[in-house]
């Protein structure tokens, strides 16, 4: 599709591609956030969770920044997930980072 669209457009297209490839996923998956082993009332809505264990975080910005990586590291720490794939559709070609705790 190229760059220039909002994240929601890429999210819809990616949902189509996951389905086409039979990749199990949940879109806008609500995840519990923990603080010192206490479940908080506030939840995190992941763009996607694939295979029940991989958070997919979408961005549509000119460049991935350290702040984006910090954000997904916080998601991992707060949700007890171990892997995030951070995908940026905003650059000339698709960029992604695999972040593991």
PDB file of N, CA and C in Angstrom:
ATOM      1  N   UNK A   1       0.812  -1.197   0.000  1.00  0.00           N
ATOM      2  CA  UNK A   1       0.000   0.000   0.000  1.00  0.00           C
ATOM      3  C   UNK A   1       0.856   1.262   0.000  1.00  0.00           C
ATOM      4  N   UNK A   2       2.092   1.150   0.450  1.00  0.00           N
ATOM      5  CA  UNK A   2       2.946   2.314   0.555  1.00  0.00           C
ATOM      6  C   UNK A   2       2.662   3.105   1.828  1.00  0.00           C
ATOM      7  N   UNK A   3       3.492   4.083   2.090  1.00  0.00           N
ATOM      8  CA  UNK A   3       3.320   4.879   3.304  1.00  0.00           C
ATOM      9  C   UNK A   3       2.310   5.999   3.061  1.00  0.00           C
ATOM     10  N   UNK A   4       1.827   6.587   4.155  1.00  0.00           N
ATOM     11  CA  UNK A   4       0.953   7.734   4.039  1.00  0.00           C
ATOM     12  C   UNK A   4      -0.445   7.540   4.606  1.00  0.00           C
ATOM     13  N   UNK A   5      -0.802   6.319   4.952  1.00  0.00           N
ATOM     14  CA  UNK A   5      -2.115   6.063   5.539  1.00  0.00           C
ATOM     15  C   UNK A   5      -2.031   6.088   7.060  1.00  0.00           C
ATOM     16  N   UNK A   6      -3.173   6.190   7.715  1.00  0.00           N
ATOM     17  CA  UNK A   6      -3.244   6.083   9.167  1.00  0.00           C
ATOM     18  C   UNK A   6      -3.109   4.625   9.584  1.00  0.00           C
ATOM     19  N   UNK A   7      -2.756   4.413  10.841  1.00  0.00           N
ATOM     20  CA  UNK A   7      -2.551   3.056  11.353  1.00  0.00           C
ATOM     21  C   UNK A   7      -3.759   2.154  11.122  1.00  0.00           C
ATOM     22  N   UNK A   8      -4.963   2.701  11.264  1.00  0.00           N
ATOM     23  CA  UNK A   8      -6.172   1.897  11.106  1.00  0.00           C
ATOM     24  C   UNK A   8      -6.294   1.243   9.746  1.00  0.00           C
ATOM     25  N   UNK A   9      -5.823   1.908   8.713  1.00  0.00           N
ATOM     26  CA  UNK A   9      -5.857   1.348   7.359  1.00  0.00           C
ATOM     27  C   UNK A   9      -4.930   0.133   7.280  1.00  0.00           C
ATOM     28  N   UNK A  10      -3.730   0.275   7.817  1.00  0.00           N
ATOM     29  CA  UNK A  10      -2.780  -0.840   7.803  1.00  0.00           C
ATOM     30  C   UNK A  10      -3.277  -1.979   8.683  1.00  0.00           C
ATOM     31  N   UNK A  11      -3.944  -1.641   9.775  1.00  0.00           N
ATOM     32  CA  UNK A  11      -4.473  -2.666  10.662  1.00  0.00           C
ATOM     33  C   UNK A  11      -5.512  -3.512   9.927  1.00  0.00           C
ATOM     34  N   UNK A  12      -6.388  -2.862   9.202  1.00  0.00           N
ATOM     35  CA  UNK A  12      -7.401  -3.596   8.452  1.00  0.00           C
ATOM     36  C   UNK A  12      -6.773  -4.474   7.368  1.00  0.00           C
ATOM     37  N   UNK A  13      -5.791  -3.942   6.673  1.00  0.00           N
ATOM     38  CA  UNK A  13      -5.105  -4.713   5.629  1.00  0.00           C
ATOM     39  C   UNK A  13      -4.352  -5.903   6.234  1.00  0.00           C
ATOM     40  N   UNK A  14      -3.700  -5.678   7.379  1.00  0.00           N
ATOM     41  CA  UNK A  14      -2.960  -6.754   8.028  1.00  0.00           C
ATOM     42  C   UNK A  14      -3.910  -7.843   8.529  1.00  0.00           C
ATOM     43  N   UNK A  15      -5.071  -7.445   9.016  1.00  0.00           N
ATOM     44  CA  UNK A  15      -6.074  -8.429   9.431  1.00  0.00           C
ATOM     45  C   UNK A  15      -6.454  -9.324   8.251  1.00  0.00           C
ATOM     46  N   UNK A  16      -6.641  -8.736   7.086  1.00  0.00           N
ATOM     47  CA  UNK A  16      -6.932  -9.507   5.877  1.00  0.00           C
ATOM     48  C   UNK A  16      -5.800 -10.486   5.572  1.00  0.00           C
ATOM     49  N   UNK A  17      -4.553 -10.015   5.650  1.00  0.00           N
ATOM     50  CA  UNK A  17      -3.394 -10.868   5.343  1.00  0.00           C
ATOM     51  C   UNK A  17      -3.235 -12.004   6.352  1.00  0.00           C
ATOM     52  N   UNK A  18      -3.449 -11.725   7.638  1.00  0.00           N
ATOM     53  CA  UNK A  18      -3.391 -12.790   8.638  1.00  0.00           C
ATOM     54  C   UNK A  18      -4.422 -13.871   8.314  1.00  0.00           C
ATOM     55  N   UNK A  19      -5.641 -13.453   7.998  1.00  0.00           N
ATOM     56  CA  UNK A  19      -6.696 -14.407   7.665  1.00  0.00           C
ATOM     57  C   UNK A  19      -6.365 -15.211   6.428  1.00  0.00           C
ATOM     58  N   UNK A  20      -5.855 -14.551   5.419  1.00  0.00           N
ATOM     59  CA  UNK A  20      -5.485 -15.210   4.163  1.00  0.00           C
ATOM     60  C   UNK A  20      -4.413 -16.282   4.386  1.00  0.00           C
ATOM     61  N   UNK A  21      -3.492 -16.003   5.307  1.00  0.00           N
ATOM     62  CA  UNK A  21      -2.386 -16.931   5.590  1.00  0.00           C
ATOM     63  C   UNK A  21      -2.687 -17.877   6.746  1.00  0.00           C
ATOM     64  N   UNK A  22      -3.909 -17.811   7.251  1.00  0.00           N
ATOM     65  CA  UNK A  22      -4.370 -18.675   8.353  1.00  0.00           C
ATOM     66  C   UNK A  22      -3.514 -18.514   9.612  1.00  0.00           C
ATOM     67  N   UNK A  23      -3.075 -17.291   9.881  1.00  0.00           N
ATOM     68  CA  UNK A  23      -2.338 -16.981  11.105  1.00  0.00           C
ATOM     69  C   UNK A  23      -3.371 -16.667  12.185  1.00  0.00           C
ATOM     70  N   UNK A  24      -3.367 -17.414  13.268  1.00  0.00           N
ATOM     71  CA  UNK A  24      -4.348 -17.132  14.326  1.00  0.00           C
ATOM     72  C   UNK A  24      -4.058 -15.788  14.992  1.00  0.00           C
ATOM     73  N   UNK A  25      -5.100 -14.958  15.117  1.00  0.00           N
ATOM     74  CA  UNK A  25      -4.909 -13.627  15.679  1.00  0.00           C
ATOM     75  C   UNK A  25      -6.193 -13.150  16.342  1.00  0.00           C
ATOM     76  N   UNK A  26      -6.008 -12.172  17.221  1.00  0.00           N
ATOM     77  CA  UNK A  26      -7.119 -11.420  17.787  1.00  0.00           C
ATOM     78  C   UNK A  26      -6.789  -9.952  17.592  1.00  0.00           C
ATOM     79  N   UNK A  27      -7.738  -9.200  17.046  1.00  0.00           N
ATOM     80  CA  UNK A  27      -7.539  -7.769  16.799  1.00  0.00           C
ATOM     81  C   UNK A  27      -8.085  -6.985  17.990  1.00  0.00           C
ATOM     82  N   UNK A  28      -7.380  -5.923  18.368  1.00  0.00           N
ATOM     83  CA  UNK A  28      -7.776  -5.073  19.503  1.00  0.00           C
ATOM     84  C   UNK A  28      -7.981  -5.913  20.766  1.00  0.00           C
ATOM     85  N   UNK A  29      -7.066  -6.810  21.002  1.00  0.00           N
ATOM     86  CA  UNK A  29      -7.136  -7.729  22.142  1.00  0.00           C
ATOM     87  C   UNK A  29      -6.901  -6.961  23.438  1.00  0.00           C
ATOM     88  N   UNK A  30      -7.845  -7.080  24.360  1.00  0.00           N
ATOM     89  CA  UNK A  30      -7.711  -6.438  25.666  1.00  0.00           C
ATOM     90  C   UNK A  30      -6.820  -7.303  26.555  1.00  0.00           C
ATOM     91  N   UNK A  31      -5.759  -6.696  27.071  1.00  0.00           N
ATOM     92  CA  UNK A  31      -4.807  -7.406  27.917  1.00  0.00           C
ATOM     93  C   UNK A  31      -4.796  -6.809  29.314  1.00  0.00           C
ATOM     94  N   UNK A  32      -4.657  -7.660  30.287  1.00  0.00           N
ATOM     95  CA  UNK A  32      -4.582  -7.240  31.680  1.00  0.00           C
ATOM     96  C   UNK A  32      -3.201  -6.645  31.938  1.00  0.00           C
ATOM     97  N   UNK A  33      -3.169  -5.571  32.696  1.00  0.00           N
ATOM     98  CA  UNK A  33      -1.916  -4.930  33.098  1.00  0.00           C
ATOM     99  C   UNK A  33      -1.702  -5.206  34.582  1.00  0.00           C
ATOM    100  N   UNK A  34      -0.471  -5.587  34.917  1.00  0.00           N
ATOM    101  CA  UNK A  34      -0.125  -5.886  36.304  1.00  0.00           C
ATOM    102  C   UNK A  34       0.872  -4.857  36.829  1.00  0.00           C
ATOM    103  N   UNK A  35       0.719  -4.547  38.097  1.00  0.00           N
ATOM    104  CA  UNK A  35       1.674  -3.712  38.810  1.00  0.00           C
ATOM    105  C   UNK A  35       1.955  -4.408  40.137  1.00  0.00           C
ATOM    106  N   UNK A  36       3.224  -4.828  40.324  1.00  0.00           N
ATOM    107  CA  UNK A  36       3.620  -5.554  41.538  1.00  0.00           C
ATOM    108  C   UNK A  36       2.662  -6.715  41.816  1.00  0.00           C
ATOM    109  N   UNK A  37       2.408  -7.504  40.784  1.00  0.00           N
ATOM    110  CA  UNK A  37       1.545  -8.687  40.849  1.00  0.00           C
ATOM    111  C   UNK A  37       0.081  -8.375  41.164  1.00  0.00           C
ATOM    112  N   UNK A  38      -0.302  -7.108  41.062  1.00  0.00           N
ATOM    113  CA  UNK A  38      -1.693  -6.700  41.271  1.00  0.00           C
ATOM    114  C   UNK A  38      -2.297  -6.377  39.906  1.00  0.00           C
ATOM    115  N   UNK A  39      -3.463  -6.948  39.620  1.00  0.00           N
ATOM    116  CA  UNK A  39      -4.139  -6.647  38.365  1.00  0.00           C
ATOM    117  C   UNK A  39      -4.779  -5.266  38.450  1.00  0.00           C
ATOM    118  N   UNK A  40      -4.432  -4.401  37.499  1.00  0.00           N
ATOM    119  CA  UNK A  40      -4.991  -3.056  37.458  1.00  0.00           C
ATOM    120  C   UNK A  40      -6.330  -3.058  36.719  1.00  0.00           C
ATOM    121  N   UNK A  41      -7.157  -2.078  37.022  1.00  0.00           N
ATOM    122  CA  UNK A  41      -8.437  -1.950  36.331  1.00  0.00           C
ATOM    123  C   UNK A  41      -8.236  -1.502  34.882  1.00  0.00           C
ATOM    124  N   UNK A  42      -7.252  -0.649  34.650  1.00  0.00           N
ATOM    125  CA  UNK A  42      -6.951  -0.169  33.303  1.00  0.00           C
ATOM    126  C   UNK A  42      -6.388  -1.313  32.478  1.00  0.00           C
ATOM    127  N   UNK A  43      -6.866  -1.467  31.268  1.00  0.00           N
ATOM    128  CA  UNK A  43      -6.408  -2.537  30.373  1.00  0.00           C
ATOM    129  C   UNK A  43      -5.625  -1.933  29.206  1.00  0.00           C
ATOM    130  N   UNK A  44      -4.854  -2.775  28.550  1.00  0.00           N
ATOM    131  CA  UNK A  44      -4.133  -2.386  27.343  1.00  0.00           C
ATOM    132  C   UNK A  44      -4.779  -3.104  26.171  1.00  0.00           C
ATOM    133  N   UNK A  45      -5.101  -2.381  25.121  1.00  0.00           N
ATOM    134  CA  UNK A  45      -5.656  -2.984  23.907  1.00  0.00           C
ATOM    135  C   UNK A  45      -4.559  -3.108  22.866  1.00  0.00           C
ATOM    136  N   UNK A  46      -4.096  -4.334  22.670  1.00  0.00           N
ATOM    137  CA  UNK A  46      -3.051  -4.596  21.684  1.00  0.00           C
ATOM    138  C   UNK A  46      -3.646  -4.497  20.283  1.00  0.00           C
ATOM    139  N   UNK A  47      -2.873  -3.984  19.337  1.00  0.00           N
ATOM    140  CA  UNK A  47      -3.347  -3.941  17.954  1.00  0.00           C
ATOM    141  C   UNK A  47      -3.722  -5.352  17.502  1.00  0.00           C
ATOM    142  N   UNK A  48      -2.808  -6.292  17.724  1.00  0.00           N
ATOM    143  CA  UNK A  48      -3.051  -7.707  17.446  1.00  0.00           C
ATOM    144  C   UNK A  48      -2.319  -8.542  18.477  1.00  0.00           C
ATOM    145  N   UNK A  49      -2.859  -9.713  18.759  1.00  0.00           N
ATOM    146  CA  UNK A  49      -2.127 -10.770  19.437  1.00  0.00           C
ATOM    147  C   UNK A  49      -2.213 -11.982  18.521  1.00  0.00           C
ATOM    148  N   UNK A  50      -1.057 -12.511  18.131  1.00  0.00           N
ATOM    149  CA  UNK A  50      -0.996 -13.674  17.244  1.00  0.00           C
ATOM    150  C   UNK A  50      -0.514 -14.889  18.022  1.00  0.00           C
ATOM    151  N   UNK A  51      -1.070 -16.025  17.687  1.00  0.00           N
ATOM    152  CA  UNK A  51      -0.714 -17.297  18.325  1.00  0.00           C
ATOM    153  C   UNK A  51      -0.867 -17.244  19.839  1.00  0.00           C
ATOM    154  N   UNK A  52      -1.715 -16.356  20.332  1.00  0.00           N
ATOM    155  CA  UNK A  52      -2.009 -16.194  21.760  1.00  0.00           C
ATOM    156  C   UNK A  52      -0.802 -15.771  22.592  1.00  0.00           C
ATOM    157  N   UNK A  53       0.314 -15.375  21.930  1.00  0.00           N
ATOM    158  CA  UNK A  53       1.502 -15.021  22.719  1.00  0.00           C
ATOM    159  C   UNK A  53       2.390 -13.938  22.124  1.00  0.00           C
ATOM    160  N   UNK A  54       2.055 -13.434  20.948  1.00  0.00           N
ATOM    161  CA  UNK A  54       2.885 -12.414  20.303  1.00  0.00           C
ATOM    162  C   UNK A  54       2.059 -11.137  20.135  1.00  0.00           C
ATOM    163  N   UNK A  55       2.528 -10.042  20.725  1.00  0.00           N
ATOM    164  CA  UNK A  55       1.876  -8.748  20.541  1.00  0.00           C
ATOM    165  C   UNK A  55       2.414  -8.123  19.258  1.00  0.00           C
ATOM    166  N   UNK A  56       1.510  -7.676  18.408  1.00  0.00           N
ATOM    167  CA  UNK A  56       1.882  -6.936  17.202  1.00  0.00           C
ATOM    168  C   UNK A  56       1.459  -5.484  17.429  1.00  0.00           C
ATOM    169  N   UNK A  57       2.427  -4.579  17.426  1.00  0.00           N
ATOM    170  CA  UNK A  57       2.162  -3.154  17.624  1.00  0.00           C
ATOM    171  C   UNK A  57       2.431  -2.432  16.310  1.00  0.00           C
ATOM    172  N   UNK A  58       1.423  -1.731  15.792  1.00  0.00           N
ATOM    173  CA  UNK A  58       1.553  -1.039  14.520  1.00  0.00           C
ATOM    174  C   UNK A  58       1.835   0.439  14.732  1.00  0.00           C
ATOM    175  N   UNK A  59       2.656   0.980  13.855  1.00  0.00           N
ATOM    176  CA  UNK A  59       2.946   2.405  13.810  1.00  0.00           C
ATOM    177  C   UNK A  59       2.868   2.859  12.354  1.00  0.00           C
ATOM    178  N   UNK A  60       2.580   4.138  12.151  1.00  0.00           N
ATOM    179  CA  UNK A  60       2.600   4.743  10.821  1.00  0.00           C
ATOM    180  C   UNK A  60       3.272   6.106  10.968  1.00  0.00           C
ATOM    181  N   UNK A  61       4.563   6.078  11.274  1.00  0.00           N
ATOM    182  CA  UNK A  61       5.320   7.306  11.519  1.00  0.00           C
ATOM    183  C   UNK A  61       6.555   7.327  10.624  1.00  0.00           C
ATOM    184  N   UNK A  62       7.180   8.480  10.519  1.00  0.00           N
ATOM    185  CA  UNK A  62       8.308   8.626   9.599  1.00  0.00           C
ATOM    186  C   UNK A  62       9.520   7.790   9.996  1.00  0.00           C
ATOM    187  N   UNK A  63       9.644   7.480  11.307  1.00  0.00           N
ATOM    188  CA  UNK A  63      10.793   6.707  11.779  1.00  0.00           C
ATOM    189  C   UNK A  63      10.477   6.139  13.156  1.00  0.00           C
ATOM    190  N   UNK A  64      10.896   4.899  13.407  1.00  0.00           N
ATOM    191  CA  UNK A  64      10.763   4.338  14.747  1.00  0.00           C
ATOM    192  C   UNK A  64      11.774   5.005  15.669  1.00  0.00           C
ATOM    193  N   UNK A  65      11.309   5.395  16.834  1.00  0.00           N
ATOM    194  CA  UNK A  65      12.152   6.090  17.803  1.00  0.00           C
ATOM    195  C   UNK A  65      12.358   5.239  19.050  1.00  0.00           C
ATOM    196  N   UNK A  66      13.324   5.629  19.871  1.00  0.00           N
ATOM    197  CA  UNK A  66      13.558   4.933  21.134  1.00  0.00           C
ATOM    198  C   UNK A  66      12.299   4.913  21.994  1.00  0.00           C
ATOM    199  N   UNK A  67      11.491   5.962  21.902  1.00  0.00           N
ATOM    200  CA  UNK A  67      10.249   6.029  22.682  1.00  0.00           C
ATOM    201  C   UNK A  67       9.279   4.906  22.308  1.00  0.00           C
ATOM    202  N   UNK A  68       9.258   4.536  21.023  1.00  0.00           N
ATOM    203  CA  UNK A  68       8.387   3.458  20.583  1.00  0.00           C
ATOM    204  C   UNK A  68       8.840   2.123  21.181  1.00  0.00           C
ATOM    205  N   UNK A  69      10.142   1.934  21.232  1.00  0.00           N
ATOM    206  CA  UNK A  69      10.684   0.702  21.813  1.00  0.00           C
ATOM    207  C   UNK A  69      10.418   0.678  23.309  1.00  0.00           C
ATOM    208  N   UNK A  70      10.608   1.793  23.978  1.00  0.00           N
ATOM    209  CA  UNK A  70      10.298   1.874  25.415  1.00  0.00           C
ATOM    210  C   UNK A  70       8.833   1.554  25.675  1.00  0.00           C
ATOM    211  N   UNK A  71       7.968   2.066  24.831  1.00  0.00           N
ATOM    212  CA  UNK A  71       6.528   1.823  24.977  1.00  0.00           C
ATOM    213  C   UNK A  71       6.220   0.326  24.928  1.00  0.00           C
ATOM    214  N   UNK A  72       6.756  -0.382  23.936  1.00  0.00           N
ATOM    215  CA  UNK A  72       6.433  -1.808  23.828  1.00  0.00           C
ATOM    216  C   UNK A  72       7.134  -2.635  24.903  1.00  0.00           C
ATOM    217  N   UNK A  73       8.294  -2.184  25.367  1.00  0.00           N
ATOM    218  CA  UNK A  73       8.925  -2.868  26.500  1.00  0.00           C
ATOM    219  C   UNK A  73       8.041  -2.753  27.745  1.00  0.00           C
ATOM    220  N   UNK A  74       7.433  -1.583  27.927  1.00  0.00           N
ATOM    221  CA  UNK A  74       6.489  -1.419  29.036  1.00  0.00           C
ATOM    222  C   UNK A  74       5.303  -2.368  28.883  1.00  0.00           C
ATOM    223  N   UNK A  75       4.798  -2.518  27.665  1.00  0.00           N
ATOM    224  CA  UNK A  75       3.693  -3.454  27.429  1.00  0.00           C
ATOM    225  C   UNK A  75       4.089  -4.870  27.830  1.00  0.00           C
ATOM    226  N   UNK A  76       5.309  -5.261  27.448  1.00  0.00           N
ATOM    227  CA  UNK A  76       5.761  -6.610  27.801  1.00  0.00           C
ATOM    228  C   UNK A  76       5.854  -6.781  29.311  1.00  0.00           C
ATOM    229  N   UNK A  77       6.460  -5.820  29.973  1.00  0.00           N
ATOM    230  CA  UNK A  77       6.613  -5.908  31.426  1.00  0.00           C
ATOM    231  C   UNK A  77       5.275  -5.910  32.155  1.00  0.00           C
ATOM    232  N   UNK A  78       4.329  -5.140  31.670  1.00  0.00           N
ATOM    233  CA  UNK A  78       3.045  -4.985  32.356  1.00  0.00           C
ATOM    234  C   UNK A  78       2.071  -6.116  32.073  1.00  0.00           C
ATOM    235  N   UNK A  79       2.266  -6.851  30.981  1.00  0.00           N
ATOM    236  CA  UNK A  79       1.300  -7.876  30.583  1.00  0.00           C
ATOM    237  C   UNK A  79       1.806  -9.308  30.735  1.00  0.00           C
ATOM    238  N   UNK A  80       3.057  -9.479  31.045  1.00  0.00           N
ATOM    239  CA  UNK A  80       3.666 -10.805  31.150  1.00  0.00           C
ATOM    240  C   UNK A  80       3.827 -11.512  29.805  1.00  0.00           C
ATOM    241  N   UNK A  81       3.667 -10.793  28.690  1.00  0.00           N
ATOM    242  CA  UNK A  81       4.014 -11.343  27.388  1.00  0.00           C
ATOM    243  C   UNK A  81       5.529 -11.259  27.239  1.00  0.00           C
ATOM    244  N   UNK A  82       6.094 -12.012  26.310  1.00  0.00           N
ATOM    245  CA  UNK A  82       7.551 -12.049  26.145  1.00  0.00           C
ATOM    246  C   UNK A  82       8.036 -11.514  24.804  1.00  0.00           C
ATOM    247  N   UNK A  83       7.112 -11.316  23.839  1.00  0.00           N
ATOM    248  CA  UNK A  83       7.532 -10.927  22.494  1.00  0.00           C
ATOM    249  C   UNK A  83       6.573  -9.902  21.904  1.00  0.00           C
ATOM    250  N   UNK A  84       7.161  -8.825  21.352  1.00  0.00           N
ATOM    251  CA  UNK A  84       6.422  -7.831  20.576  1.00  0.00           C
ATOM    252  C   UNK A  84       7.102  -7.703  19.223  1.00  0.00           C
ATOM    253  N   UNK A  85       6.283  -7.621  18.190  1.00  0.00           N
ATOM    254  CA  UNK A  85       6.806  -7.233  16.880  1.00  0.00           C
ATOM    255  C   UNK A  85       6.246  -5.846  16.606  1.00  0.00           C
ATOM    256  N   UNK A  86       7.154  -4.886  16.531  1.00  0.00           N
ATOM    257  CA  UNK A  86       6.816  -3.485  16.296  1.00  0.00           C
ATOM    258  C   UNK A  86       6.961  -3.239  14.797  1.00  0.00           C
ATOM    259  N   UNK A  87       5.857  -2.878  14.154  1.00  0.00           N
ATOM    260  CA  UNK A  87       5.835  -2.725  12.697  1.00  0.00           C
ATOM    261  C   UNK A  87       5.528  -1.278  12.348  1.00  0.00           C
ATOM    262  N   UNK A  88       6.379  -0.692  11.498  1.00  0.00           N
ATOM    263  CA  UNK A  88       6.166   0.691  11.065  1.00  0.00           C
ATOM    264  C   UNK A  88       5.896   0.733   9.560  1.00  0.00           C
ATOM    265  N   UNK A  89       4.708   1.204   9.225  1.00  0.00           N
ATOM    266  CA  UNK A  89       4.307   1.345   7.828  1.00  0.00           C
ATOM    267  C   UNK A  89       4.583   2.742   7.283  1.00  0.00           C
ATOM    268  N   UNK A  90       5.110   3.653   8.097  1.00  0.00           N
ATOM    269  CA  UNK A  90       5.248   5.048   7.702  1.00  0.00           C
ATOM    270  C   UNK A  90       6.506   5.386   6.929  1.00  0.00           C
ATOM    271  N   UNK A  91       7.444   4.468   6.855  1.00  0.00           N
ATOM    272  CA  UNK A  91       8.677   4.728   6.114  1.00  0.00           C
ATOM    273  C   UNK A  91       8.515   4.291   4.659  1.00  0.00           C
ATOM    274  N   UNK A  92       9.504   4.606   3.824  1.00  0.00           N
ATOM    275  CA  UNK A  92       9.406   4.258   2.400  1.00  0.00           C
ATOM    276  C   UNK A  92       9.179   2.762   2.198  1.00  0.00           C
ATOM    277  N   UNK A  93       9.836   1.948   3.000  1.00  0.00           N
ATOM    278  CA  UNK A  93       9.576   0.506   2.975  1.00  0.00           C
ATOM    279  C   UNK A  93       9.286   0.066   4.402  1.00  0.00           C
ATOM    280  N   UNK A  94       8.536  -0.995   4.527  1.00  0.00           N
ATOM    281  CA  UNK A  94       8.122  -1.498   5.830  1.00  0.00           C
ATOM    282  C   UNK A  94       9.339  -1.775   6.717  1.00  0.00           C
ATOM    283  N   UNK A  95       9.270  -1.325   7.956  1.00  0.00           N
ATOM    284  CA  UNK A  95      10.320  -1.584   8.950  1.00  0.00           C
ATOM    285  C   UNK A  95       9.680  -2.290  10.132  1.00  0.00           C
ATOM    286  N   UNK A  96      10.424  -3.213  10.719  1.00  0.00           N
ATOM    287  CA  UNK A  96       9.921  -3.885  11.909  1.00  0.00           C
ATOM    288  C   UNK A  96      11.064  -4.212  12.854  1.00  0.00           C
ATOM    289  N   UNK A  97      10.725  -4.349  14.119  1.00  0.00           N
ATOM    290  CA  UNK A  97      11.677  -4.758  15.145  1.00  0.00           C
ATOM    291  C   UNK A  97      11.032  -5.850  15.976  1.00  0.00           C
ATOM    292  N   UNK A  98      11.803  -6.854  16.255  1.00  0.00           N
ATOM    293  CA  UNK A  98      11.387  -7.941  17.139  1.00  0.00           C
ATOM    294  C   UNK A  98      11.980  -7.627  18.503  1.00  0.00           C
ATOM    295  N   UNK A  99      11.124  -7.517  19.513  1.00  0.00           N
ATOM    296  CA  UNK A  99      11.581  -7.145  20.855  1.00  0.00           C
ATOM    297  C   UNK A  99      11.181  -8.252  21.815  1.00  0.00           C
ATOM    298  N   UNK A 100      12.185  -8.803  22.498  1.00  0.00           N
ATOM    299  CA  UNK A 100      11.988  -9.946  23.374  1.00  0.00           C
ATOM    300  C   UNK A 100      12.420  -9.579  24.784  1.00  0.00           C
ATOM    301  N   UNK A 101      11.650 -10.004  25.765  1.00  0.00           N
ATOM    302  CA  UNK A 101      12.050  -9.844  27.167  1.00  0.00           C
ATOM    303  C   UNK A 101      12.883 -11.018  27.601  1.00  0.00           C
TER     304      UNK A 101
END
